[in-house]
Amino acid sequence: MRPEDIPEIRPLDLFRNMSEENFNDLIRGGYVQTFPPQVVLTTEGDQPDFLHIVLSGSVELFSTWNDRETSMATVRPISTFILAATIRDAPYLMSARTCEKSRIILLPSMDVRAVFERDNDFARAVVSELAQCYRSVIKISKNLKLRTSIERLANYLLRSHRRAGGALEFDLLLEKRRLASFLGMTPENLSRAIKALRPYGVEIDGAQVRITNLADLEQFAKPSPLIDDYST
């Protein structure tokens, strides 16, 4: 790993408080690699050889079963995946592929587990990150089980609106096929949901979203921090 790569990951919550000696041991066998779009980085069922850290670009986590595929999440800089498999030395439950040209740090899983055993600050940070991931999974499950497809889309657009700094016009960060999969619907259902939201002040043309009546959309969507705020 080049010295100039280290300042990008040292401030991460996962590594911030660990000792310098243990941090150096952790990154000694790591390296940075740039991948083109649509490269599969991990395959569900395989053993975790590396902990991945996305420095630039984006990575889709997805899963397949019986000739079906679903999008689970999109990882953006600067964050890790898939930490639980690395710590437990257990098979990946999801596959991962680059959505675009991406720069990724790979840390050997054996080194991650060794440092986890001896660095208490690192271990506490790992537990905290895994707890946050668990809470996010609960919120995603509640979103899928408690809301209709139209309500899921409405709340996704509100979250995107907040991520865009409150802008009422923004671009979808996912192509519609992937968005439909992430929201637990077919592309056809997504198209119908988009049309159903027009009376609530939503206009979607290609990837561009325009919210013309935020109050109506919020009244319909009924956003809840216990489902929609992934930071808590």
C-alpha atoms as a PDB file:
ATOM      1  CA  MET A   1       0.000   0.000   0.000  1.00  0.00           C
ATOM      2  CA  ARG A   2       1.355   3.406  -0.955  1.00  0.00           C
ATOM      3  CA  PRO A   3       1.972   5.910   1.861  1.00  0.00           C
ATOM      4  CA  GLU A   4      -0.444   8.383   0.238  1.00  0.00           C
ATOM      5  CA  ASP A   5      -3.290   5.837   0.548  1.00  0.00           C
ATOM      6  CA  ILE A   6      -3.010   5.582   4.330  1.00  0.00           C
ATOM      7  CA  PRO A   7      -4.455   9.033   5.247  1.00  0.00           C
ATOM      8  CA  GLU A   8      -7.650   8.091   3.408  1.00  0.00           C
ATOM      9  CA  ILE A   9      -8.477   5.183   5.712  1.00  0.00           C
ATOM     10  CA  ARG A  10      -6.769   6.031   9.026  1.00  0.00           C
ATOM     11  CA  PRO A  11      -9.554   8.502  10.055  1.00  0.00           C
ATOM     12  CA  LEU A  12     -12.299   5.897   9.512  1.00  0.00           C
ATOM     13  CA  ASP A  13     -14.220   5.008  12.692  1.00  0.00           C
ATOM     14  CA  LEU A  14     -12.999   1.444  12.277  1.00  0.00           C
ATOM     15  CA  PHE A  15      -9.301   2.378  12.486  1.00  0.00           C
ATOM     16  CA  ARG A  16      -9.215   5.789  14.178  1.00  0.00           C
ATOM     17  CA  ASN A  17      -8.486   4.724  17.766  1.00  0.00           C
ATOM     18  CA  MET A  18      -6.348   1.637  17.253  1.00  0.00           C
ATOM     19  CA  SER A  19      -2.662   1.724  18.103  1.00  0.00           C
ATOM     20  CA  GLU A  20      -0.179   2.776  15.455  1.00  0.00           C
ATOM     21  CA  GLU A  21       1.661  -0.544  15.744  1.00  0.00           C
ATOM     22  CA  ASN A  22      -1.475  -2.603  15.188  1.00  0.00           C
ATOM     23  CA  PHE A  23      -2.635  -0.341  12.362  1.00  0.00           C
ATOM     24  CA  ASN A  24       0.700  -0.818  10.609  1.00  0.00           C
ATOM     25  CA  ASP A  25       0.431  -4.578  11.069  1.00  0.00           C
ATOM     26  CA  LEU A  26      -3.075  -4.467   9.611  1.00  0.00           C
ATOM     27  CA  ILE A  27      -2.171  -2.602   6.436  1.00  0.00           C
ATOM     28  CA  ARG A  28       1.236  -4.226   5.890  1.00  0.00           C
ATOM     29  CA  GLY A  29      -0.209  -6.933   3.648  1.00  0.00           C
ATOM     30  CA  GLY A  30      -2.867  -4.704   2.082  1.00  0.00           C
ATOM     31  CA  TYR A  31      -2.868  -3.185  -1.356  1.00  0.00           C
ATOM     32  CA  VAL A  32      -4.879  -0.789  -3.492  1.00  0.00           C
ATOM     33  CA  GLN A  33      -6.353  -1.823  -6.811  1.00  0.00           C
ATOM     34  CA  THR A  34      -8.466  -0.016  -9.403  1.00  0.00           C
ATOM     35  CA  PHE A  35     -11.237  -2.091 -10.976  1.00  0.00           C
ATOM     36  CA  PRO A  36     -13.291  -1.331 -14.093  1.00  0.00           C
ATOM     37  CA  PRO A  37     -17.114  -1.451 -13.976  1.00  0.00           C
ATOM     38  CA  GLN A  38     -18.989  -4.747 -13.591  1.00  0.00           C
ATOM     39  CA  VAL A  39     -16.101  -6.692 -12.053  1.00  0.00           C
ATOM     40  CA  VAL A  40     -17.206  -9.287  -9.482  1.00  0.00           C
ATOM     41  CA  LEU A  41     -15.097  -8.781  -6.357  1.00  0.00           C
ATOM     42  CA  THR A  42     -16.639 -11.389  -4.064  1.00  0.00           C
ATOM     43  CA  THR A  43     -18.953 -14.339  -4.680  1.00  0.00           C
ATOM     44  CA  GLU A  44     -21.490 -15.519  -2.116  1.00  0.00           C
ATOM     45  CA  GLY A  45     -20.498 -18.854  -0.643  1.00  0.00           C
ATOM     46  CA  ASP A  46     -16.759 -18.187  -0.969  1.00  0.00           C
ATOM     47  CA  GLN A  47     -14.494 -17.719   2.042  1.00  0.00           C
ATOM     48  CA  PRO A  48     -13.459 -14.115   2.776  1.00  0.00           C
ATOM     49  CA  ASP A  49      -9.835 -13.628   1.773  1.00  0.00           C
ATOM     50  CA  PHE A  50      -9.925  -9.842   2.127  1.00  0.00           C
ATOM     51  CA  LEU A  51     -11.726  -6.996   3.828  1.00  0.00           C
ATOM     52  CA  HIS A  52     -12.556  -4.446   1.124  1.00  0.00           C
ATOM     53  CA  ILE A  53     -12.583  -0.672   1.576  1.00  0.00           C
ATOM     54  CA  VAL A  54     -14.119   1.458  -1.182  1.00  0.00           C
ATOM     55  CA  LEU A  55     -12.033   4.585  -1.739  1.00  0.00           C
ATOM     56  CA  SER A  56     -13.751   5.799  -4.910  1.00  0.00           C
ATOM     57  CA  GLY A  57     -16.507   4.620  -7.216  1.00  0.00           C
ATOM     58  CA  SER A  58     -19.279   2.350  -5.933  1.00  0.00           C
ATOM     59  CA  VAL A  59     -19.926  -1.345  -5.362  1.00  0.00           C
ATOM     60  CA  GLU A  60     -23.225  -3.218  -5.545  1.00  0.00           C
ATOM     61  CA  LEU A  61     -23.916  -6.013  -3.070  1.00  0.00           C
ATOM     62  CA  PHE A  62     -26.247  -8.578  -4.594  1.00  0.00           C
ATOM     63  CA  SER A  63     -27.486 -12.119  -4.152  1.00  0.00           C
ATOM     64  CA  THR A  64     -28.797 -14.871  -6.433  1.00  0.00           C
ATOM     65  CA  TRP A  65     -30.971 -17.933  -5.956  1.00  0.00           C
ATOM     66  CA  ASN A  66     -32.739 -20.244  -8.393  1.00  0.00           C
ATOM     67  CA  ASP A  67     -31.905 -18.061 -11.423  1.00  0.00           C
ATOM     68  CA  ARG A  68     -33.123 -14.939  -9.614  1.00  0.00           C
ATOM     69  CA  GLU A  69     -31.024 -11.974  -8.580  1.00  0.00           C
ATOM     70  CA  THR A  70     -31.657  -9.138  -6.155  1.00  0.00           C
ATOM     71  CA  SER A  71     -29.748  -5.988  -5.274  1.00  0.00           C
ATOM     72  CA  MET A  72     -29.051  -5.770  -1.534  1.00  0.00           C
ATOM     73  CA  ALA A  73     -27.145  -2.500  -1.118  1.00  0.00           C
ATOM     74  CA  THR A  74     -24.747  -0.073  -2.755  1.00  0.00           C
ATOM     75  CA  VAL A  75     -21.466   0.724  -0.990  1.00  0.00           C
ATOM     76  CA  ARG A  76     -19.947   4.158  -1.562  1.00  0.00           C
ATOM     77  CA  PRO A  77     -16.738   5.826  -0.337  1.00  0.00           C
ATOM     78  CA  ILE A  78     -15.292   5.587   2.132  1.00  0.00           C
ATOM     79  CA  SER A  79     -16.623   2.394   3.694  1.00  0.00           C
ATOM     80  CA  THR A  80     -15.936  -1.306   4.138  1.00  0.00           C
ATOM     81  CA  PHE A  81     -17.642  -4.503   3.024  1.00  0.00           C
ATOM     82  CA  ILE A  82     -18.291  -7.351   4.009  1.00  0.00           C
ATOM     83  CA  LEU A  83     -16.963  -7.037   7.577  1.00  0.00           C
ATOM     84  CA  ALA A  84     -19.010  -9.756   9.320  1.00  0.00           C
ATOM     85  CA  ALA A  85     -17.763 -12.514   7.015  1.00  0.00           C
ATOM     86  CA  THR A  86     -14.162 -11.407   7.562  1.00  0.00           C
ATOM     87  CA  ILE A  87     -14.416 -11.369  11.363  1.00  0.00           C
ATOM     88  CA  ARG A  88     -16.218 -14.726  11.562  1.00  0.00           C
ATOM     89  CA  ASP A  89     -14.171 -16.347   8.772  1.00  0.00           C
ATOM     90  CA  ALA A  90     -17.557 -17.411   7.391  1.00  0.00           C
ATOM     91  CA  PRO A  91     -18.733 -17.659   3.759  1.00  0.00           C
ATOM     92  CA  TYR A  92     -19.916 -14.491   2.062  1.00  0.00           C
ATOM     93  CA  LEU A  93     -23.715 -14.175   2.157  1.00  0.00           C
ATOM     94  CA  MET A  94     -23.635 -11.677  -0.712  1.00  0.00           C
ATOM     95  CA  SER A  95     -21.672 -11.123  -3.879  1.00  0.00           C
ATOM     96  CA  ALA A  96     -20.138  -7.773  -4.774  1.00  0.00           C
ATOM     97  CA  ARG A  97     -19.387  -6.098  -8.097  1.00  0.00           C
ATOM     98  CA  THR A  98     -18.250  -2.662  -9.139  1.00  0.00           C
ATOM     99  CA  CYS A  99     -20.921  -0.328 -10.513  1.00  0.00           C
ATOM    100  CA  GLU A 100     -18.324   1.974 -12.033  1.00  0.00           C
ATOM    101  CA  LYS A 101     -14.573   2.388 -12.094  1.00  0.00           C
ATOM    102  CA  SER A 102     -13.635   1.909  -8.436  1.00  0.00           C
ATOM    103  CA  ARG A 103     -10.526   2.163  -6.309  1.00  0.00           C
ATOM    104  CA  ILE A 104     -10.497  -0.375  -3.500  1.00  0.00           C
ATOM    105  CA  ILE A 105      -8.167  -1.302  -0.646  1.00  0.00           C
ATOM    106  CA  LEU A 106      -7.904  -5.014   0.127  1.00  0.00           C
ATOM    107  CA  LEU A 107      -6.753  -6.033   3.609  1.00  0.00           C
ATOM    108  CA  PRO A 108      -6.023  -9.740   4.211  1.00  0.00           C
ATOM    109  CA  SER A 109      -8.756 -11.231   6.402  1.00  0.00           C
ATOM    110  CA  MET A 110      -6.201 -13.163   8.465  1.00  0.00           C
ATOM    111  CA  ASP A 111      -4.528  -9.888   9.446  1.00  0.00           C
ATOM    112  CA  VAL A 112      -7.875  -8.288  10.301  1.00  0.00           C
ATOM    113  CA  ARG A 113      -8.778 -11.178  12.617  1.00  0.00           C
ATOM    114  CA  ALA A 114      -5.325 -11.202  14.242  1.00  0.00           C
ATOM    115  CA  VAL A 115      -5.476  -7.488  15.056  1.00  0.00           C
ATOM    116  CA  PHE A 116      -9.100  -7.872  16.227  1.00  0.00           C
ATOM    117  CA  GLU A 117      -7.887 -10.344  18.866  1.00  0.00           C
ATOM    118  CA  ARG A 118      -5.257  -8.043  20.381  1.00  0.00           C
ATOM    119  CA  ASP A 119      -6.421  -4.443  19.830  1.00  0.00           C
ATOM    120  CA  ASN A 120      -9.337  -3.561  22.101  1.00  0.00           C
ATOM    121  CA  ASP A 121     -10.069  -0.235  20.425  1.00  0.00           C
ATOM    122  CA  PHE A 122     -10.232  -1.891  17.016  1.00  0.00           C
ATOM    123  CA  ALA A 123     -12.453  -4.664  18.417  1.00  0.00           C
ATOM    124  CA  ARG A 124     -14.867  -2.113  19.898  1.00  0.00           C
ATOM    125  CA  ALA A 125     -14.984  -0.258  16.566  1.00  0.00           C
ATOM    126  CA  VAL A 126     -15.742  -3.515  14.747  1.00  0.00           C
ATOM    127  CA  VAL A 127     -18.585  -4.308  17.162  1.00  0.00           C
ATOM    128  CA  SER A 128     -19.976  -0.788  16.715  1.00  0.00           C
ATOM    129  CA  GLU A 129     -19.914  -1.047  12.917  1.00  0.00           C
ATOM    130  CA  LEU A 130     -21.529  -4.493  12.956  1.00  0.00           C
ATOM    131  CA  ALA A 131     -24.231  -3.181  15.303  1.00  0.00           C
ATOM    132  CA  GLN A 132     -24.915  -0.321  12.893  1.00  0.00           C
ATOM    133  CA  CYS A 133     -25.130  -2.801  10.003  1.00  0.00           C
ATOM    134  CA  TYR A 134     -27.568  -4.948  11.999  1.00  0.00           C
ATOM    135  CA  ARG A 135     -29.800  -1.933  12.677  1.00  0.00           C
ATOM    136  CA  SER A 136     -29.737  -1.031   8.983  1.00  0.00           C
ATOM    137  CA  VAL A 137     -30.837  -4.562   8.073  1.00  0.00           C
ATOM    138  CA  ILE A 138     -33.768  -4.287  10.515  1.00  0.00           C
ATOM    139  CA  LYS A 139     -34.827  -0.991   8.938  1.00  0.00           C
ATOM    140  CA  ILE A 140     -34.619  -2.441   5.424  1.00  0.00           C
ATOM    141  CA  SER A 141     -36.703  -5.427   6.538  1.00  0.00           C
ATOM    142  CA  LYS A 142     -39.331  -3.135   8.104  1.00  0.00           C
ATOM    143  CA  ASN A 143     -39.441  -1.079   4.917  1.00  0.00           C
ATOM    144  CA  LEU A 144     -40.088  -4.185   2.804  1.00  0.00           C
ATOM    145  CA  LYS A 145     -42.615  -5.783   5.154  1.00  0.00           C
ATOM    146  CA  LEU A 146     -44.643  -2.783   6.339  1.00  0.00           C
ATOM    147  CA  ARG A 147     -44.919  -0.652   3.196  1.00  0.00           C
ATOM    148  CA  THR A 148     -46.481  -1.037  -0.218  1.00  0.00           C
ATOM    149  CA  SER A 149     -44.254  -0.751  -3.275  1.00  0.00           C
ATOM    150  CA  ILE A 150     -45.477   2.807  -3.898  1.00  0.00           C
ATOM    151  CA  GLU A 151     -44.712   3.802  -0.290  1.00  0.00           C
ATOM    152  CA  ARG A 152     -41.221   2.267  -0.564  1.00  0.00           C
ATOM    153  CA  LEU A 153     -40.505   4.288  -3.699  1.00  0.00           C
ATOM    154  CA  ALA A 154     -41.891   7.472  -2.131  1.00  0.00           C
ATOM    155  CA  ASN A 155     -39.655   7.130   0.909  1.00  0.00           C
ATOM    156  CA  TYR A 156     -36.638   6.241  -1.240  1.00  0.00           C
ATOM    157  CA  LEU A 157     -37.162   9.496  -3.144  1.00  0.00           C
ATOM    158  CA  LEU A 158     -37.414  11.444   0.104  1.00  0.00           C
ATOM    159  CA  ARG A 159     -34.149   9.912   1.324  1.00  0.00           C
ATOM    160  CA  SER A 160     -32.539  10.810  -2.011  1.00  0.00           C
ATOM    161  CA  HIS A 161     -33.921  14.342  -1.678  1.00  0.00           C
ATOM    162  CA  ARG A 162     -32.221  14.669   1.737  1.00  0.00           C
ATOM    163  CA  ARG A 163     -28.950  13.180   0.418  1.00  0.00           C
ATOM    164  CA  ALA A 164     -29.028  15.794  -2.341  1.00  0.00           C
ATOM    165  CA  GLY A 165     -28.976  18.521   0.300  1.00  0.00           C
ATOM    166  CA  GLY A 166     -32.707  19.208   0.088  1.00  0.00           C
ATOM    167  CA  ALA A 167     -32.701  19.772  -3.673  1.00  0.00           C
ATOM    168  CA  LEU A 168     -36.052  19.254  -5.351  1.00  0.00           C
ATOM    169  CA  GLU A 169     -34.371  18.135  -8.577  1.00  0.00           C
ATOM    170  CA  PHE A 170     -31.781  15.357  -8.539  1.00  0.00           C
ATOM    171  CA  ASP A 171     -30.708  12.240 -10.414  1.00  0.00           C
ATOM    172  CA  LEU A 172     -31.404   8.689  -9.325  1.00  0.00           C
ATOM    173  CA  LEU A 173     -28.176   7.110  -8.093  1.00  0.00           C
ATOM    174  CA  LEU A 174     -29.307   3.668  -9.290  1.00  0.00           C
ATOM    175  CA  GLU A 175     -30.430   2.580 -12.715  1.00  0.00           C
ATOM    176  CA  LYS A 176     -34.128   1.706 -12.635  1.00  0.00           C
ATOM    177  CA  ARG A 177     -33.609  -2.045 -12.930  1.00  0.00           C
ATOM    178  CA  ARG A 178     -31.339  -2.045  -9.867  1.00  0.00           C
ATOM    179  CA  LEU A 179     -33.628   0.363  -8.022  1.00  0.00           C
ATOM    180  CA  ALA A 180     -36.609  -1.930  -8.579  1.00  0.00           C
ATOM    181  CA  SER A 181     -34.625  -4.893  -7.252  1.00  0.00           C
ATOM    182  CA  PHE A 182     -33.454  -2.955  -4.197  1.00  0.00           C
ATOM    183  CA  LEU A 183     -37.036  -1.894  -3.410  1.00  0.00           C
ATOM    184  CA  GLY A 184     -38.328  -5.453  -3.798  1.00  0.00           C
ATOM    185  CA  MET A 185     -40.353  -5.032  -6.984  1.00  0.00           C
ATOM    186  CA  THR A 186     -40.180  -5.821 -10.663  1.00  0.00           C
ATOM    187  CA  PRO A 187     -39.239  -3.155 -13.241  1.00  0.00           C
ATOM    188  CA  GLU A 188     -42.862  -3.191 -14.389  1.00  0.00           C
ATOM    189  CA  ASN A 189     -44.098  -2.529 -10.855  1.00  0.00           C
ATOM    190  CA  LEU A 190     -41.577   0.296 -10.529  1.00  0.00           C
ATOM    191  CA  SER A 191     -42.963   1.936 -13.677  1.00  0.00           C
ATOM    192  CA  ARG A 192     -46.494   1.709 -12.256  1.00  0.00           C
ATOM    193  CA  ALA A 193     -45.309   3.103  -8.906  1.00  0.00           C
ATOM    194  CA  ILE A 194     -43.674   6.070 -10.661  1.00  0.00           C
ATOM    195  CA  LYS A 195     -46.967   6.854 -12.405  1.00  0.00           C
ATOM    196  CA  ALA A 196     -48.888   6.435  -9.136  1.00  0.00           C
ATOM    197  CA  LEU A 197     -46.731   9.109  -7.457  1.00  0.00           C
ATOM    198  CA  ARG A 198     -47.468  11.799 -10.025  1.00  0.00           C
ATOM    199  CA  PRO A 199     -50.540  13.090  -8.111  1.00  0.00           C
ATOM    200  CA  TYR A 200     -48.252  13.539  -5.083  1.00  0.00           C
ATOM    201  CA  GLY A 201     -45.847  15.874  -6.850  1.00  0.00           C
ATOM    202  CA  VAL A 202     -43.262  13.507  -8.341  1.00  0.00           C
ATOM    203  CA  GLU A 203     -42.019  13.683 -11.914  1.00  0.00           C
ATOM    204  CA  ILE A 204     -39.396  11.192 -13.107  1.00  0.00           C
ATOM    205  CA  ASP A 205     -37.940  11.445 -16.599  1.00  0.00           C
ATOM    206  CA  GLY A 206     -35.233   8.877 -17.192  1.00  0.00           C
ATOM    207  CA  ALA A 207     -32.874   9.247 -14.228  1.00  0.00           C
ATOM    208  CA  GLN A 208     -33.965  12.801 -13.408  1.00  0.00           C
ATOM    209  CA  VAL A 209     -36.352  13.316 -10.486  1.00  0.00           C
ATOM    210  CA  ARG A 210     -38.335  16.492  -9.874  1.00  0.00           C
ATOM    211  CA  ILE A 211     -40.422  16.954  -6.736  1.00  0.00           C
ATOM    212  CA  THR A 212     -43.093  19.594  -7.343  1.00  0.00           C
ATOM    213  CA  ASN A 213     -45.007  19.193  -4.082  1.00  0.00           C
ATOM    214  CA  LEU A 214     -42.815  18.071  -1.198  1.00  0.00           C
ATOM    215  CA  ALA A 215     -45.578  18.421   1.410  1.00  0.00           C
ATOM    216  CA  ASP A 216     -47.942  16.102  -0.489  1.00  0.00           C
ATOM    217  CA  LEU A 217     -45.181  13.539  -1.004  1.00  0.00           C
ATOM    218  CA  GLU A 218     -44.252  13.569   2.689  1.00  0.00           C
ATOM    219  CA  GLN A 219     -47.896  13.284   3.720  1.00  0.00           C
ATOM    220  CA  PHE A 220     -48.288  10.220   1.505  1.00  0.00           C
ATOM    221  CA  ALA A 221     -44.955   8.575   2.380  1.00  0.00           C
ATOM    222  CA  LYS A 222     -45.108   9.136   6.157  1.00  0.00           C
ATOM    223  CA  PRO A 223     -41.306   8.817   6.623  1.00  0.00           C
ATOM    224  CA  SER A 224     -40.106   7.445   9.949  1.00  0.00           C
ATOM    225  CA  PRO A 225     -36.608   7.783  11.450  1.00  0.00           C
ATOM    226  CA  LEU A 226     -37.020   4.224  12.785  1.00  0.00           C
ATOM    227  CA  ILE A 227     -37.078   3.013   9.182  1.00  0.00           C
ATOM    228  CA  ASP A 228     -35.546   5.698   6.978  1.00  0.00           C
ATOM    229  CA  ASP A 229     -32.673   7.158   9.011  1.00  0.00           C
ATOM    230  CA  TYR A 230     -29.774   4.744   8.537  1.00  0.00           C
ATOM    231  CA  SER A 231     -27.439   6.914  10.640  1.00  0.00           C
ATOM    232  CA  THR A 232     -29.115   6.019  13.964  1.00  0.00           C
END
